[in-house]
Amino acid sequence: MTVHAVRPVVVGVDGSTASLAAVRWAAATAARRRAPLHLVHAIGVSAGSVPVLGPLLFETSGLRKAGEAALGVGQSIAQEVAGSVGEIVVRTFLESSAPVSCLACLSANARLLVVGARGLGAFERVLLGSVGIGLIRHARCPVAVVPGFDEPVAAVPQYPVLVGVDGSLCSERAVEIAFDEASVRRVGLVAAAIFAPGDPPARAREQADALLVEKLAIFSDKYPEVRVHRLVAEGPPAQRLLEESHRAQLIVLGSRGRGEVAGAALGSVSQAVLQKSRIPVVIATRGQ
C-alpha cells in the first residue's frame, strides 16, 4: 500500500504558534502512519461574496496572501519533520469557505483532523469557541487538539497513551483509537475509569474495574502487543485525567460521556480536559 492509498491527516493552519505546533504533531503522525498530510487554511470568505473591484477585493487578497504565507511555513515545518521521521506527501489547500464547514467537509475522507488549541483570526480560542465545538459536532473522523505554548511541553516517547473509559458509545470509540495509537507508537496504554466521590467506594471501585475489563477485552485481543494498565480512581474525572496526563504523551476521550445530554456538542469532562491539557487530546466524535 502506498501513501496515496490511505486517508490523509488533515490539519488546520493559520500561522499561529498553536497551529504550527499542530502541523508538527500532524506531520509526525502522518509519517508514522505513512499517510498523506493535507495543510488547510480557510479564509472564511466565500467566492460569491467578493466583488470584482473595491476594498473587499483588496482585503480578500491580503487574506489570501496571509494564508499562503501560513501554508508555506507549515509546509516547511512538515518537511523538516519528514527529514527526521520519514517520508510524507504534503499538499496545501487555500479555501475560501469558513473554517468549520471547510474542515468538517474534508474530515469525511480523512483519518484524523488536527487543530491547534489556540489560534489567530478564525481559529481564535478553538477550545471554547464555535470553531472547535463545531468541528467536534460535525467532523466525520476523530479530532486532535494540539496545545501551543511559548515553552512547548517536551514529548516523552516512552510515555503511554491515556484513555478515559466510562461505558458510553463515544468512550468505546475512544478505546479503539487509543489502542491503535499505542500500537503505532509502540508504547503502553493507561485505561482510566474514574468514579465520583460520594459513591460507596468499594462498590464503585469494583464496578469501575469490571467496566474496564469488559471494554478492554476485545481490543486487547486485537492488539496483543499493547501493554495495558487499568487505572481505577476516585475523584472529579477531568481533574484525575489531567493529573495522570503528566505521565502520558496523548489523551483520548469520547466527545460525550455517559449521562451527557443527547446531542450535546462536547461533554463536560472532555471540554474541561481540553481547556487545561498540556499534551495533545484526541476526541472520538459521534460522526466517525
Protein backbone atom coordinates (compact mmCIF):
# COMPACT_ATOMS: atom_id res chain seq x y z
CA MET A 1 0.00 0.00 0.00
CA THR A 2 1.38 3.42 -0.93
CA VAL A 3 0.96 6.64 0.97
CA HIS A 4 -1.59 7.72 -1.67
CA ALA A 5 -3.88 4.76 -0.88
CA VAL A 6 -4.66 5.77 2.70
CA ARG A 7 -6.77 8.58 4.04
CA PRO A 8 -4.87 11.78 4.84
CA VAL A 9 -4.20 13.53 8.10
CA VAL A 10 -5.79 16.99 7.74
CA VAL A 11 -4.54 19.95 9.77
CA GLY A 12 -5.90 23.49 10.01
CA VAL A 13 -3.19 26.14 9.56
CA ASP A 14 -3.47 29.84 10.40
CA GLY A 15 0.14 30.81 11.19
CA SER A 16 -0.30 30.96 14.96
CA THR A 17 2.08 29.24 17.36
CA ALA A 18 -0.58 26.67 18.22
CA SER A 19 -1.44 25.83 14.62
CA LEU A 20 2.23 25.38 13.74
CA ALA A 21 2.59 23.08 16.75
CA ALA A 22 -0.40 21.21 15.33
CA VAL A 23 1.36 20.94 11.96
CA ARG A 24 4.47 19.50 13.59
CA TRP A 25 2.42 16.93 15.54
CA ALA A 26 0.27 16.09 12.50
CA ALA A 27 3.35 15.64 10.30
CA ALA A 28 4.87 13.17 12.76
CA THR A 29 1.52 11.35 12.92
CA ALA A 30 1.26 11.20 9.13
CA ALA A 31 4.83 9.90 8.80
CA ARG A 32 4.25 7.30 11.50
CA ARG A 33 1.20 6.02 9.61
CA ARG A 34 2.62 6.55 6.11
CA ALA A 35 -0.34 8.79 5.33
CA PRO A 36 -0.53 11.97 3.25
CA LEU A 37 -0.60 15.27 5.13
CA HIS A 38 -3.03 17.97 3.99
CA LEU A 39 -2.45 21.53 5.24
CA VAL A 40 -5.59 23.66 5.04
CA HIS A 41 -6.10 27.39 5.50
CA ALA A 42 -9.70 28.62 5.34
CA ILE A 43 -10.08 32.39 4.99
CA GLY A 44 -13.82 32.37 5.67
CA VAL A 45 -14.87 34.49 2.70
CA SER A 46 -17.00 32.75 0.09
CA ALA A 47 -16.18 33.42 -3.55
CA GLY A 48 -19.72 34.64 -4.26
CA SER A 49 -19.46 37.41 -1.66
CA VAL A 50 -16.36 39.05 -3.15
CA PRO A 51 -16.94 41.93 -5.60
CA VAL A 52 -14.85 42.25 -8.76
CA LEU A 53 -13.48 45.60 -7.62
CA GLY A 54 -13.41 47.53 -4.39
CA PRO A 55 -11.90 47.45 -0.89
CA LEU A 56 -13.23 43.96 -0.11
CA LEU A 57 -11.25 42.54 -3.02
CA PHE A 58 -8.11 44.14 -1.66
CA GLU A 59 -8.84 42.81 1.82
CA THR A 60 -9.52 39.31 0.47
CA SER A 61 -6.29 39.46 -1.48
CA GLY A 62 -4.48 40.27 1.75
CA LEU A 63 -6.17 37.38 3.50
CA ARG A 64 -5.14 35.02 0.72
CA LYS A 65 -1.54 36.22 0.88
CA ALA A 66 -1.51 35.71 4.64
CA GLY A 67 -2.96 32.24 4.13
CA GLU A 68 -0.37 31.36 1.52
CA ALA A 69 2.38 32.53 3.87
CA ALA A 70 0.99 30.43 6.74
CA LEU A 71 0.77 27.38 4.48
CA GLY A 72 4.33 27.96 3.30
CA VAL A 73 5.61 28.00 6.87
CA GLY A 74 3.55 24.93 7.66
CA GLN A 75 4.94 23.08 4.66
CA SER A 76 8.50 23.92 5.72
CA ILE A 77 7.80 22.53 9.20
CA ALA A 78 6.26 19.37 7.74
CA GLN A 79 9.30 18.82 5.51
CA GLU A 80 11.58 19.35 8.50
CA VAL A 81 9.68 16.70 10.45
CA ALA A 82 9.77 14.39 7.45
CA GLY A 83 13.54 14.64 7.34
CA SER A 84 13.81 13.23 10.85
CA VAL A 85 10.83 10.86 10.94
CA GLY A 86 10.11 9.55 7.47
CA GLU A 87 8.54 10.21 4.09
CA ILE A 88 5.47 12.45 3.95
CA VAL A 89 3.44 13.51 0.92
CA VAL A 90 2.34 17.07 1.73
CA ARG A 91 -0.39 19.04 -0.06
CA THR A 92 -1.62 22.55 0.74
CA PHE A 93 -5.13 23.93 0.32
CA LEU A 94 -6.23 27.58 0.46
CA GLU A 95 -10.01 27.59 0.82
CA SER A 96 -12.47 30.45 0.70
CA SER A 97 -15.10 28.86 2.91
CA ALA A 98 -15.42 29.17 6.68
CA PRO A 99 -13.12 27.00 8.82
CA VAL A 100 -15.80 24.78 10.38
CA SER A 101 -17.60 23.93 7.15
CA CYS A 102 -14.33 23.53 5.25
CA LEU A 103 -12.60 21.23 7.73
CA ALA A 104 -15.78 19.28 8.53
CA CYS A 105 -16.25 18.59 4.82
CA LEU A 106 -12.64 17.43 4.44
CA SER A 107 -12.97 15.21 7.51
CA ALA A 108 -15.30 12.87 5.58
CA ASN A 109 -12.28 11.44 3.75
CA ALA A 110 -9.67 11.99 6.47
CA ARG A 111 -8.30 9.58 9.07
CA LEU A 112 -7.69 12.41 11.53
CA LEU A 113 -8.44 16.13 11.76
CA VAL A 114 -5.87 18.21 13.67
CA VAL A 115 -6.21 21.77 15.01
CA GLY A 116 -4.27 23.96 17.39
CA ALA A 117 -5.69 24.68 20.81
CA ARG A 118 -5.40 28.43 20.38
CA GLY A 119 -5.13 30.36 17.17
CA LEU A 120 -5.49 33.68 15.42
CA GLY A 121 -8.40 35.03 13.44
CA ALA A 122 -10.97 32.37 12.59
CA PHE A 123 -9.27 29.83 14.82
CA GLU A 124 -9.20 32.08 17.90
CA ARG A 125 -9.87 30.18 21.14
CA VAL A 126 -10.58 26.95 19.25
CA LEU A 127 -11.14 25.06 22.50
CA LEU A 128 -14.03 27.16 23.71
CA GLY A 129 -15.16 28.91 20.54
CA SER A 130 -17.55 27.96 17.79
CA VAL A 131 -14.80 26.53 15.57
CA GLY A 132 -13.70 23.83 18.00
CA ILE A 133 -17.20 22.98 19.16
CA GLY A 134 -18.44 22.97 15.57
CA LEU A 135 -15.68 20.66 14.40
CA ILE A 136 -16.28 18.16 17.17
CA ARG A 137 -20.01 18.22 16.43
CA HIS A 138 -19.73 17.85 12.65
CA ALA A 139 -16.44 16.05 11.99
CA ARG A 140 -16.66 12.62 10.38
CA CYS A 141 -13.35 11.47 11.86
CA PRO A 142 -11.52 11.86 15.20
CA VAL A 143 -10.37 15.38 16.06
CA ALA A 144 -6.95 16.01 17.62
CA VAL A 145 -6.41 19.24 19.54
CA VAL A 146 -2.75 20.18 19.99
CA PRO A 147 -1.83 22.76 22.64
CA GLY A 148 0.53 25.55 21.71
CA PHE A 149 2.70 27.20 24.34
CA ASP A 150 5.59 29.65 24.27
CA GLU A 151 7.54 26.88 26.00
CA PRO A 152 6.27 23.61 24.47
CA VAL A 153 5.98 20.58 26.70
CA ALA A 154 8.65 18.08 25.68
CA ALA A 155 7.19 14.82 24.47
CA VAL A 156 8.50 11.69 26.15
CA PRO A 157 8.44 8.88 23.54
CA GLN A 158 8.22 6.17 26.19
CA TYR A 159 5.17 7.67 27.92
CA PRO A 160 1.89 5.76 27.37
CA VAL A 161 -1.35 6.76 25.73
CA LEU A 162 -4.09 7.65 28.24
CA VAL A 163 -7.76 6.91 27.56
CA GLY A 164 -10.81 7.74 29.63
CA VAL A 165 -13.38 4.94 29.88
CA ASP A 166 -16.94 5.45 31.11
CA GLY A 167 -19.01 2.92 29.18
CA SER A 168 -20.55 5.36 26.69
CA LEU A 169 -20.56 4.70 22.94
CA CYS A 170 -18.13 7.57 22.36
CA SER A 171 -15.89 6.12 25.05
CA GLU A 172 -15.83 2.77 23.25
CA ARG A 173 -14.69 4.54 20.09
CA ALA A 174 -12.03 6.31 22.14
CA VAL A 175 -10.75 2.98 23.48
CA GLU A 176 -10.30 1.64 19.96
CA ILE A 177 -8.46 4.79 18.87
CA ALA A 178 -6.25 4.66 21.96
CA PHE A 179 -5.25 1.04 21.34
CA ASP A 180 -4.39 1.88 17.75
CA GLU A 181 -2.34 4.93 18.76
CA ALA A 182 -0.46 2.94 21.41
CA SER A 183 0.26 0.18 18.90
CA VAL A 184 1.59 2.55 16.24
CA ARG A 185 3.67 4.45 18.80
CA ARG A 186 4.89 1.18 20.38
CA VAL A 187 4.01 2.29 23.89
CA GLY A 188 1.71 1.12 26.64
CA LEU A 189 -1.87 2.15 27.31
CA VAL A 190 -3.35 3.50 30.55
CA ALA A 191 -7.12 2.98 30.63
CA ALA A 192 -8.72 5.10 33.35
CA ALA A 193 -12.17 4.72 34.90
CA ILE A 194 -12.91 7.46 37.41
CA PHE A 195 -15.79 7.21 39.87
CA ALA A 196 -17.26 10.23 41.60
CA PRO A 197 -16.75 10.98 45.30
CA GLY A 198 -19.79 10.08 47.38
CA ASP A 199 -20.40 6.67 45.84
CA PRO A 200 -19.75 3.70 48.16
CA PRO A 201 -16.00 3.39 47.43
CA ALA A 202 -15.68 -0.40 47.47
CA ARG A 203 -18.69 -0.98 45.24
CA ALA A 204 -17.82 1.89 42.89
CA ARG A 205 -14.26 0.67 42.51
CA GLU A 206 -15.44 -2.87 41.78
CA GLN A 207 -17.91 -1.64 39.15
CA ALA A 208 -15.30 0.62 37.52
CA ASP A 209 -12.78 -2.19 37.30
CA ALA A 210 -15.39 -4.55 35.84
CA LEU A 211 -16.21 -1.90 33.24
CA LEU A 212 -12.55 -1.65 32.24
CA VAL A 213 -12.18 -5.40 31.93
CA GLU A 214 -15.27 -5.58 29.71
CA LYS A 215 -14.43 -2.63 27.43
CA LEU A 216 -10.75 -3.52 27.02
CA ALA A 217 -11.16 -7.23 26.34
CA ILE A 218 -11.96 -7.12 22.62
CA PHE A 219 -9.19 -4.67 21.82
CA SER A 220 -6.64 -6.46 23.97
CA ASP A 221 -7.13 -9.47 21.72
CA LYS A 222 -6.82 -7.31 18.60
CA TYR A 223 -3.70 -5.50 19.86
CA PRO A 224 -1.84 -8.13 21.91
CA GLU A 225 1.39 -6.12 21.64
CA VAL A 226 -0.07 -3.23 23.65
CA ARG A 227 0.62 -3.49 27.36
CA VAL A 228 -2.41 -2.21 29.27
CA HIS A 229 -2.58 -0.75 32.76
CA ARG A 230 -6.05 -0.40 34.29
CA LEU A 231 -6.44 2.67 36.48
CA VAL A 232 -9.45 2.96 38.79
CA ALA A 233 -9.55 6.16 40.81
CA GLU A 234 -11.95 8.29 42.83
CA GLY A 235 -12.42 12.00 42.24
CA PRO A 236 -13.51 14.58 39.66
CA PRO A 237 -12.91 12.83 36.32
CA ALA A 238 -11.35 15.77 34.47
CA GLN A 239 -9.01 16.59 37.34
CA ARG A 240 -7.84 12.99 37.72
CA LEU A 241 -7.29 12.60 33.98
CA LEU A 242 -5.25 15.80 33.88
CA GLU A 243 -3.14 14.60 36.81
CA GLU A 244 -2.48 11.30 35.04
CA SER A 245 -1.69 13.12 31.78
CA HIS A 246 1.56 14.38 33.31
CA ARG A 247 2.85 10.87 32.69
CA ALA A 248 1.30 10.39 29.22
CA GLN A 249 2.03 11.56 25.68
CA LEU A 250 -1.55 11.60 24.40
CA ILE A 251 -5.07 11.65 25.83
CA VAL A 252 -8.00 10.02 24.02
CA LEU A 253 -11.57 10.82 25.08
CA GLY A 254 -15.10 10.47 23.78
CA SER A 255 -16.88 13.63 22.70
CA ARG A 256 -19.77 12.85 25.03
CA GLY A 257 -19.75 10.75 28.18
CA ARG A 258 -22.34 8.53 29.77
CA GLY A 259 -25.18 10.63 31.10
CA GLU A 260 -24.43 13.65 28.88
CA VAL A 261 -27.41 15.29 27.21
CA ALA A 262 -28.17 13.68 23.86
CA GLY A 263 -26.99 15.87 21.00
CA ALA A 264 -24.50 17.79 23.14
CA ALA A 265 -21.52 19.00 21.14
CA LEU A 266 -18.93 18.25 23.76
CA GLY A 267 -19.12 16.56 27.14
CA SER A 268 -18.19 18.44 30.28
CA VAL A 269 -15.23 16.18 31.11
CA SER A 270 -13.79 16.36 27.59
CA GLN A 271 -14.20 20.13 27.49
CA ALA A 272 -12.54 20.57 30.89
CA VAL A 273 -9.59 18.40 29.83
CA LEU A 274 -9.22 20.27 26.54
CA GLN A 275 -9.10 23.59 28.37
CA LYS A 276 -6.12 22.65 30.52
CA SER A 277 -4.27 19.79 28.85
CA ARG A 278 -0.62 20.38 28.05
CA ILE A 279 -0.43 17.37 25.75
CA PRO A 280 -2.45 16.58 22.60
CA VAL A 281 -6.00 15.33 23.07
CA VAL A 282 -7.84 13.19 20.52
CA ILE A 283 -11.63 13.34 20.64
CA ALA A 284 -13.61 10.41 19.29
CA THR A 285 -16.52 12.11 17.52
CA ARG A 286 -20.04 10.82 17.08
CA GLY A 287 -19.79 11.07 13.29
CA GLN A 288 -16.74 8.85 12.73
